[in-house]
Amino acid sequence: MFRLSKGAEYAVRGVLHLASKPSGVVAFIDEIAEAEDVPRAYLAKIFQVLLKKGFLRSKRGPGGGFNLAREAKDITLLDIIETMEGTISLNDCLISAGFCDREDKCPVHDVWREAQKKLKDFLSKSNFKELAEAGKMKVQLA
């Protein structure tokens, strides 16, 4: 079964929460963890990774917390997923050219390669500005 790790899922939830805030507004880790139903300690570790990779900014002290270091429109699902999971590879034969000795003769290799390309293209077109706007619309319709 293909599926994201909890870390990647929680990272997406956390970034989406921050993308829903007005630009520059900081949010406390406790607020985000509670709103997104993510264990606080786990979210704090995830946010440290995202901070080091340049997706988040942190502010210490009173009024401190986290916010996005980039515009939400410039952060994609692919960015966050690959930050947490590493490069997406649907099968071992796609890890790198020549990794699989059956690459040139296996008809399934081409299918895996095309499926991976379509998935990565789709995820790279899904940015957090659009996702935050879609989330607000869903809340209004609920």
Protein backbone atom coordinates (compact mmCIF):
# COMPACT_ATOMS: atom_id res chain seq x y z
CA MET A 1 0.00 0.00 0.00
CA PHE A 2 1.29 3.45 -0.90
CA ARG A 3 0.72 5.98 1.80
CA LEU A 4 2.26 9.00 3.44
CA SER A 5 3.86 8.75 6.84
CA LYS A 6 2.13 10.46 9.76
CA GLY A 7 5.00 12.95 9.76
CA ALA A 8 4.25 14.03 6.19
CA GLU A 9 0.52 14.17 6.86
CA TYR A 10 1.04 16.26 10.01
CA ALA A 11 3.48 18.54 8.18
CA VAL A 12 0.84 19.19 5.52
CA ARG A 13 -1.76 19.95 8.20
CA GLY A 14 0.59 22.32 10.03
CA VAL A 15 1.63 24.23 6.91
CA LEU A 16 -1.99 24.44 5.79
CA HIS A 17 -2.94 25.91 9.17
CA LEU A 18 -0.26 28.57 8.81
CA ALA A 19 -1.27 29.24 5.19
CA SER A 20 -4.80 29.97 6.46
CA LYS A 21 -3.49 32.84 8.56
CA PRO A 22 -2.98 36.35 7.18
CA SER A 23 0.57 36.92 5.94
CA GLY A 24 3.03 37.52 8.77
CA VAL A 25 0.68 36.37 11.54
CA VAL A 26 2.33 33.89 13.91
CA ALA A 27 0.63 30.91 15.52
CA PHE A 28 1.61 29.06 18.67
CA ILE A 29 2.54 25.39 18.36
CA ASP A 30 -0.15 24.51 20.94
CA GLU A 31 -2.82 26.30 18.87
CA ILE A 32 -1.78 24.51 15.69
CA ALA A 33 -1.51 21.10 17.33
CA GLU A 34 -4.96 21.39 18.88
CA ALA A 35 -6.64 22.80 15.76
CA GLU A 36 -5.09 20.18 13.47
CA ASP A 37 -5.36 17.23 15.90
CA VAL A 38 -1.61 16.58 15.89
CA PRO A 39 0.45 15.57 18.93
CA ARG A 40 2.25 18.73 20.08
CA ALA A 41 5.70 17.16 20.58
CA TYR A 42 5.57 15.48 17.18
CA LEU A 43 4.50 18.72 15.49
CA ALA A 44 7.35 20.59 17.20
CA LYS A 45 9.87 18.11 15.71
CA ILE A 46 8.27 18.38 12.28
CA PHE A 47 8.34 22.17 12.46
CA GLN A 48 12.06 22.08 13.26
CA VAL A 49 12.63 20.19 10.00
CA LEU A 50 10.47 22.66 8.06
CA LEU A 51 12.26 25.56 9.75
CA LYS A 52 15.69 24.23 8.71
CA LYS A 53 14.47 23.71 5.14
CA GLY A 54 13.30 27.33 4.93
CA PHE A 55 9.53 26.80 4.83
CA LEU A 56 8.84 28.26 8.27
CA ARG A 57 10.07 31.10 10.48
CA SER A 58 9.93 31.09 14.23
CA LYS A 59 9.72 33.96 16.65
CA ARG A 60 10.61 33.51 20.30
CA GLY A 61 9.22 35.23 23.34
CA PRO A 62 5.89 36.94 23.94
CA GLY A 63 3.86 37.01 20.76
CA GLY A 64 6.16 34.37 19.32
CA GLY A 65 5.32 31.28 17.35
CA PHE A 66 5.57 30.11 13.76
CA ASN A 67 4.61 31.51 10.40
CA LEU A 68 5.45 30.78 6.79
CA ALA A 69 8.86 31.91 5.57
CA ARG A 70 7.61 31.92 1.97
CA GLU A 71 4.37 32.96 0.35
CA ALA A 72 1.79 30.15 0.58
CA LYS A 73 1.43 30.21 -3.21
CA ASP A 74 5.12 29.30 -3.46
CA ILE A 75 4.90 26.18 -1.28
CA THR A 76 3.51 23.03 -2.88
CA LEU A 77 2.33 19.72 -1.53
CA LEU A 78 5.28 18.14 -3.32
CA ASP A 79 7.68 20.45 -1.45
CA ILE A 80 6.36 19.44 1.96
CA ILE A 81 5.90 15.75 1.20
CA GLU A 82 9.40 15.38 -0.24
CA THR A 83 10.87 17.36 2.66
CA MET A 84 9.37 14.83 5.06
CA GLU A 85 9.57 11.63 2.99
CA GLY A 86 12.47 12.20 0.63
CA THR A 87 12.11 12.05 -3.14
CA ILE A 88 8.93 10.29 -4.22
CA SER A 89 9.71 7.02 -5.97
CA LEU A 90 6.81 4.68 -6.74
CA ASN A 91 9.14 1.73 -7.23
CA ASP A 92 12.81 0.93 -6.62
CA CYS A 93 13.49 0.97 -10.36
CA LEU A 94 12.78 4.71 -10.40
CA ILE A 95 15.24 5.72 -7.69
CA SER A 96 17.79 6.69 -10.33
CA ALA A 97 18.69 5.82 -13.91
CA GLY A 98 20.49 2.50 -14.02
CA PHE A 99 19.40 1.52 -10.49
CA CYS A 100 17.43 -1.41 -11.91
CA ASP A 101 19.14 -3.77 -14.36
CA ARG A 102 15.74 -4.56 -15.94
CA GLU A 103 14.97 -0.93 -16.76
CA ASP A 104 15.49 -1.31 -20.54
CA LYS A 105 13.56 -4.56 -20.94
CA CYS A 106 10.74 -4.28 -18.38
CA PRO A 107 7.45 -2.99 -19.85
CA VAL A 108 6.17 -2.05 -16.38
CA HIS A 109 9.07 0.37 -15.85
CA ASP A 110 7.54 2.83 -18.32
CA VAL A 111 4.18 2.62 -16.53
CA TRP A 112 5.79 3.32 -13.15
CA ARG A 113 7.76 6.23 -14.59
CA GLU A 114 4.66 7.83 -16.16
CA ALA A 115 2.55 7.32 -13.01
CA GLN A 116 5.28 8.87 -10.86
CA LYS A 117 5.62 11.83 -13.23
CA LYS A 118 1.87 12.49 -13.18
CA LEU A 119 1.72 12.26 -9.38
CA LYS A 120 4.66 14.62 -8.90
CA ASP A 121 3.29 17.05 -11.49
CA PHE A 122 -0.10 17.08 -9.76
CA LEU A 123 1.41 17.61 -6.30
CA SER A 124 3.68 20.38 -7.61
CA LYS A 125 0.62 22.26 -8.91
CA SER A 126 -1.17 22.07 -5.55
CA ASN A 127 0.01 25.08 -3.56
CA PHE A 128 -0.92 26.04 -0.02
CA LYS A 129 -2.58 29.33 -0.95
CA GLU A 130 -5.13 27.49 -3.08
CA LEU A 131 -5.50 24.74 -0.48
CA ALA A 132 -6.13 27.29 2.30
CA GLU A 133 -8.75 29.03 0.15
CA ALA A 134 -10.43 25.70 -0.63
CA GLY A 135 -10.44 24.87 3.08
CA LYS A 136 -12.17 28.15 3.92
CA MET A 137 -14.82 27.43 1.28
CA LYS A 138 -15.43 23.96 2.70
CA VAL A 139 -15.92 25.41 6.19
CA GLN A 140 -18.39 27.98 4.85
CA LEU A 141 -20.37 25.28 3.03
CA ALA A 142 -20.46 22.92 6.01
